Amino acid sequence: MLEKKTKIYWLFILPGCLFLAVFMLIPLFSLILTTFFDEAGGFSLRGYFSLLESTYFKQVFWRSIRLSLISTVACALLGFPTAYYISKYSKNKGMLMALAVFPMFTSPVIRSFSWMVILGKKGFVNNLLVSSGIVDKPISLLYNEFSMVVGFIQLFLPLMILSLIGIMDNISEDLNLAAGSLGASRASTFRHVILPLSIPGLVTGSVLVFTGCLTAYTTPQLLGGTDTRVLATMIYQQAMSLGDWTQASVVAVVMIVVTMLVSSGITAISKKLNPTV
């Protein structure tokens, strides 16, 4: 009877597995395989060696990692108190969650153009800085790393908030009461009860944000300009502008590997901090 039920369950997930295999796994492995062969069809790692020797690639690579990590940390710092308030103290939880998720329903292109208007030399931020006397003339807030981080935070902060809310909702209020009855202050309860139990949501949100930032194309293309390349825009440059599809594939493989390594590293660190993760 159990074997029969297992076979039925496999029938349910088979269409999804086939879809992923045909439209994701097979193209992905095909892309990876092309990077290990030269134009003559022989095995070669020349594409990887030439990429690693490139000073331009090293600059783009470390910029991508740095901006992704900065954006992830910023989303965690902003998202944690927001999620905690919505989960534990808000009377209008549904409305606040809808407001947190609402930016995700807007195209990244529209959001990027909105930041171009806000951060431009005649935008709201520069007008405020000049009128308040903080600066004498408008400063450059666009087409640099700062504008890219701002765009990343707005783009992926909802993912961090939702990941944390899902975990915090499952933290029983009885634990707070128990800690308080044992003499723990609110700060101590938060540090020793709430924060450790929220690590799984923090890990999930961090992985989602970092992966999204590292692979994002629209936001860095519009807000970063031509002088602030990241891996995603470098892939487009190699493929569409230079016509070097092999080199673009090599960069894509490097980006995939880095994403997996960093995600695994975040998970491993969280397990050391909280073995229940």
Protein backbone atom coordinates (compact mmCIF):
# COMPACT_ATOMS: atom_id res chain seq x y z
CA MET A 1 0.00 0.00 0.00
CA LEU A 2 2.84 2.37 0.91
CA GLU A 3 4.69 1.62 -2.33
CA LYS A 4 1.54 2.36 -4.32
CA LYS A 5 1.14 5.75 -2.62
CA THR A 6 4.81 6.53 -3.27
CA LYS A 7 4.34 5.83 -6.98
CA ILE A 8 1.33 8.14 -7.07
CA TYR A 9 3.33 10.92 -5.42
CA TRP A 10 6.08 10.50 -8.02
CA LEU A 11 3.46 10.96 -10.74
CA PHE A 12 2.46 14.25 -9.17
CA ILE A 13 5.98 15.70 -9.14
CA LEU A 14 7.09 14.19 -12.46
CA PRO A 15 5.73 17.04 -14.67
CA GLY A 16 7.51 19.63 -12.56
CA CYS A 17 10.77 17.67 -12.63
CA LEU A 18 10.56 17.27 -16.42
CA PHE A 19 9.88 20.97 -16.87
CA LEU A 20 12.90 21.93 -14.75
CA ALA A 21 15.11 19.39 -16.51
CA VAL A 22 14.17 20.50 -20.03
CA PHE A 23 14.07 24.26 -19.53
CA MET A 24 16.69 24.79 -16.81
CA LEU A 25 19.08 21.90 -16.14
CA ILE A 26 19.79 20.87 -19.73
CA PRO A 27 20.43 24.45 -20.97
CA LEU A 28 22.54 25.14 -17.88
CA PHE A 29 24.77 22.09 -18.36
CA SER A 30 25.02 22.85 -22.07
CA LEU A 31 26.21 26.35 -21.22
CA ILE A 32 28.79 25.01 -18.78
CA LEU A 33 30.11 22.42 -21.25
CA THR A 34 30.72 25.01 -23.98
CA THR A 35 33.18 26.82 -21.73
CA PHE A 36 35.53 23.81 -21.62
CA PHE A 37 36.08 23.56 -25.38
CA ASP A 38 37.87 25.81 -27.84
CA GLU A 39 36.79 26.78 -31.36
CA ALA A 40 38.37 23.60 -32.77
CA GLY A 41 36.31 21.42 -30.43
CA GLY A 42 39.20 20.37 -28.19
CA PHE A 43 39.21 20.51 -24.41
CA SER A 44 40.58 23.81 -23.18
CA LEU A 45 40.52 26.03 -20.09
CA ARG A 46 41.85 29.03 -21.95
CA GLY A 47 38.63 30.97 -21.42
CA TYR A 48 38.91 30.68 -17.64
CA PHE A 49 42.64 31.48 -17.52
CA SER A 50 42.28 34.55 -19.74
CA LEU A 51 39.36 35.76 -17.64
CA LEU A 52 41.21 35.33 -14.34
CA GLU A 53 44.22 37.20 -15.76
CA SER A 54 42.05 40.15 -16.80
CA THR A 55 42.37 43.20 -14.53
CA TYR A 56 39.02 44.47 -15.79
CA PHE A 57 37.26 41.24 -14.76
CA LYS A 58 38.85 41.35 -11.30
CA GLN A 59 37.53 44.87 -10.78
CA VAL A 60 34.05 43.89 -11.93
CA PHE A 61 34.09 40.68 -9.89
CA TRP A 62 35.06 42.27 -6.58
CA ARG A 63 32.69 45.18 -7.16
CA SER A 64 29.83 42.73 -7.68
CA ILE A 65 30.67 40.80 -4.50
CA ARG A 66 31.14 43.97 -2.45
CA LEU A 67 27.90 45.63 -3.55
CA SER A 68 25.93 42.40 -3.06
CA LEU A 69 27.27 41.96 0.48
CA ILE A 70 26.65 45.62 1.37
CA SER A 71 23.10 45.40 0.06
CA THR A 72 22.49 42.14 1.95
CA VAL A 73 23.73 43.61 5.24
CA ALA A 74 21.65 46.76 4.70
CA CYS A 75 18.53 44.72 3.96
CA ALA A 76 19.11 42.65 7.10
CA LEU A 77 19.55 45.75 9.28
CA LEU A 78 16.46 47.41 7.82
CA GLY A 79 14.34 44.30 7.45
CA PHE A 80 14.83 42.76 10.90
CA PRO A 81 13.23 45.52 13.02
CA THR A 82 10.51 46.00 10.40
CA ALA A 83 9.62 42.30 10.37
CA TYR A 84 9.77 42.16 14.18
CA TYR A 85 7.33 45.05 14.53
CA ILE A 86 4.93 43.67 11.93
CA SER A 87 5.02 40.18 13.45
CA LYS A 88 4.77 41.04 17.15
CA TYR A 89 3.28 44.49 17.65
CA SER A 90 1.29 45.55 14.59
CA LYS A 91 -2.52 45.50 14.73
CA ASN A 92 -2.74 45.90 10.95
CA LYS A 93 -0.39 43.09 10.01
CA GLY A 94 -2.06 42.32 6.69
CA MET A 95 -1.93 45.93 5.53
CA LEU A 96 1.70 46.39 6.52
CA MET A 97 2.70 43.16 4.79
CA ALA A 98 0.88 44.33 1.67
CA LEU A 99 2.77 47.64 1.81
CA ALA A 100 6.07 45.78 2.24
CA VAL A 101 5.36 43.55 -0.75
CA PHE A 102 3.81 46.25 -2.93
CA PRO A 103 7.11 47.43 -4.52
CA MET A 104 7.59 43.91 -5.91
CA PHE A 105 4.56 44.45 -8.15
CA THR A 106 6.32 47.33 -9.89
CA SER A 107 8.75 46.69 -12.72
CA PRO A 108 12.45 47.12 -11.84
CA VAL A 109 12.69 49.43 -14.85
CA ILE A 110 10.06 51.79 -13.42
CA ARG A 111 11.67 51.71 -9.99
CA SER A 112 15.09 52.46 -11.47
CA PHE A 113 13.74 55.41 -13.46
CA SER A 114 12.08 56.68 -10.28
CA TRP A 115 15.43 56.67 -8.49
CA MET A 116 16.99 58.45 -11.47
CA VAL A 117 14.48 61.27 -10.94
CA ILE A 118 14.96 61.32 -7.15
CA LEU A 119 18.78 61.12 -7.15
CA GLY A 120 19.41 63.28 -10.21
CA LYS A 121 21.22 66.62 -9.95
CA LYS A 122 17.85 68.38 -10.10
CA GLY A 123 16.09 65.71 -8.09
CA PHE A 124 14.48 65.80 -4.66
CA VAL A 125 17.57 64.75 -2.69
CA ASN A 126 19.91 67.31 -4.26
CA ASN A 127 17.31 70.09 -3.97
CA LEU A 128 16.94 69.25 -0.27
CA LEU A 129 20.71 69.22 0.31
CA VAL A 130 21.23 72.54 -1.48
CA SER A 131 18.26 74.29 0.13
CA SER A 132 19.34 73.17 3.60
CA GLY A 133 22.87 74.48 3.04
CA ILE A 134 24.55 71.08 3.48
CA VAL A 135 26.16 71.39 0.02
CA ASP A 136 26.79 74.40 -2.20
CA LYS A 137 25.93 72.69 -5.47
CA PRO A 138 24.25 69.43 -6.53
CA ILE A 139 26.39 66.34 -6.02
CA SER A 140 26.58 63.25 -8.18
CA LEU A 141 24.35 60.56 -6.69
CA LEU A 142 23.63 58.69 -9.91
CA TYR A 143 25.60 56.25 -12.07
CA ASN A 144 27.81 55.05 -9.24
CA GLU A 145 27.92 52.34 -6.57
CA PHE A 146 25.75 54.35 -4.17
CA SER A 147 22.79 54.51 -6.56
CA MET A 148 23.14 50.79 -7.31
CA VAL A 149 23.02 49.87 -3.61
CA VAL A 150 19.94 52.06 -3.14
CA GLY A 151 18.25 50.32 -6.05
CA PHE A 152 19.21 46.87 -4.73
CA ILE A 153 17.85 47.64 -1.26
CA GLN A 154 14.48 48.76 -2.59
CA LEU A 155 14.35 45.81 -4.96
CA PHE A 156 15.13 43.03 -2.49
CA LEU A 157 14.20 44.37 0.96
CA PRO A 158 10.67 42.85 0.69
CA LEU A 159 12.22 39.38 0.34
CA MET A 160 14.14 39.85 3.58
CA ILE A 161 11.07 41.13 5.42
CA LEU A 162 8.85 38.27 4.26
CA SER A 163 11.49 35.65 5.12
CA LEU A 164 11.82 37.02 8.65
CA ILE A 165 8.08 37.41 9.24
CA GLY A 166 7.50 33.77 8.34
CA ILE A 167 9.94 32.69 11.05
CA MET A 168 9.00 35.25 13.71
CA ASP A 169 5.34 34.29 13.49
CA ASN A 170 6.29 30.83 14.74
CA ILE A 171 8.14 32.13 17.80
CA SER A 172 5.79 31.57 20.71
CA GLU A 173 5.03 34.50 22.99
CA ASP A 174 5.33 32.05 25.89
CA LEU A 175 9.10 32.06 25.40
CA ASN A 176 9.23 35.81 26.01
CA LEU A 177 7.05 35.44 29.08
CA ALA A 178 9.21 32.61 30.38
CA ALA A 179 12.38 34.65 29.89
CA GLY A 180 10.79 37.61 31.65
CA SER A 181 9.67 35.46 34.58
CA LEU A 182 13.27 34.33 35.01
CA GLY A 183 14.45 37.92 35.33
CA ALA A 184 15.58 38.62 31.77
CA SER A 185 15.16 42.17 30.49
CA ARG A 186 13.58 42.93 27.12
CA ALA A 187 17.00 43.50 25.58
CA SER A 188 18.31 40.24 27.02
CA THR A 189 15.21 38.37 25.85
CA PHE A 190 15.63 39.75 22.37
CA ARG A 191 19.34 38.87 22.28
CA HIS A 192 19.05 35.35 23.70
CA VAL A 193 15.59 34.25 22.48
CA ILE A 194 14.26 36.23 19.52
CA LEU A 195 17.51 36.72 17.62
CA PRO A 196 18.75 33.08 17.71
CA LEU A 197 15.33 31.73 16.73
CA SER A 198 15.15 34.22 13.84
CA ILE A 199 18.42 33.06 12.27
CA PRO A 200 16.74 30.63 9.79
CA GLY A 201 14.68 33.49 8.35
CA LEU A 202 17.73 35.75 8.32
CA VAL A 203 19.70 33.10 6.43
CA THR A 204 16.93 32.54 3.88
CA GLY A 205 16.52 36.27 3.33
CA SER A 206 20.27 36.84 3.05
CA VAL A 207 20.67 34.11 0.45
CA LEU A 208 17.76 35.49 -1.59
CA VAL A 209 19.02 39.06 -1.40
CA PHE A 210 22.65 38.22 -2.17
CA THR A 211 21.71 35.98 -5.09
CA GLY A 212 19.33 38.59 -6.45
CA CYS A 213 21.88 41.40 -6.18
CA LEU A 214 24.68 39.38 -7.76
CA THR A 215 22.57 38.32 -10.75
CA ALA A 216 20.50 41.51 -11.22
CA TYR A 217 20.83 43.23 -14.58
CA THR A 218 18.23 45.98 -14.99
CA THR A 219 19.02 47.94 -11.82
CA PRO A 220 22.83 48.11 -12.27
CA GLN A 221 22.44 48.80 -15.98
CA LEU A 222 20.19 51.83 -15.41
CA LEU A 223 21.56 53.15 -12.10
CA GLY A 224 25.19 52.13 -12.47
CA GLY A 225 25.83 53.52 -15.91
CA THR A 226 28.58 52.39 -18.25
CA ASP A 227 31.48 52.99 -15.86
CA THR A 228 30.19 50.82 -13.00
CA ARG A 229 29.97 47.34 -14.44
CA VAL A 230 28.95 44.23 -12.51
CA LEU A 231 28.96 40.59 -13.59
CA ALA A 232 25.46 40.67 -15.11
CA THR A 233 26.14 43.76 -17.22
CA MET A 234 29.56 42.37 -18.15
CA ILE A 235 27.86 39.26 -19.55
CA TYR A 236 25.62 41.46 -21.70
CA GLN A 237 28.61 43.50 -22.82
CA GLN A 238 30.61 40.42 -23.82
CA ALA A 239 27.71 38.78 -25.67
CA MET A 240 25.83 41.66 -27.31
CA SER A 241 28.46 44.39 -27.72
CA LEU A 242 31.61 42.34 -28.34
CA GLY A 243 29.96 39.21 -29.76
CA ASP A 244 32.10 36.95 -27.60
CA TRP A 245 29.52 34.39 -26.46
CA THR A 246 32.15 31.97 -25.14
CA GLN A 247 33.61 34.56 -22.80
CA ALA A 248 30.12 35.59 -21.75
CA SER A 249 29.38 31.95 -20.90
CA VAL A 250 32.57 31.74 -18.82
CA VAL A 251 31.54 34.82 -16.82
CA ALA A 252 28.07 33.30 -16.33
CA VAL A 253 29.57 30.06 -14.99
CA VAL A 254 31.82 32.00 -12.60
CA MET A 255 28.78 33.94 -11.37
CA ILE A 256 26.81 30.72 -10.78
CA VAL A 257 29.68 29.11 -8.87
CA VAL A 258 30.24 32.19 -6.71
CA THR A 259 26.52 32.40 -5.91
CA MET A 260 26.47 28.77 -4.79
CA LEU A 261 29.65 29.11 -2.72
CA VAL A 262 28.53 32.25 -0.90
CA SER A 263 25.07 30.82 -0.26
CA SER A 264 26.65 27.67 1.17
CA GLY A 265 29.00 29.79 3.28
CA ILE A 266 26.12 31.82 4.75
CA THR A 267 24.28 28.60 5.61
CA ALA A 268 27.38 27.06 7.20
CA ILE A 269 28.02 30.14 9.35
CA SER A 270 24.38 30.20 10.47
CA LYS A 271 24.59 26.53 11.50
CA LYS A 272 27.54 27.32 13.75
CA LEU A 273 25.61 30.18 15.33
CA ASN A 274 22.43 28.13 15.62
CA PRO A 275 22.72 24.31 15.21
CA THR A 276 18.95 24.03 14.65
CA VAL A 277 19.17 25.78 11.28
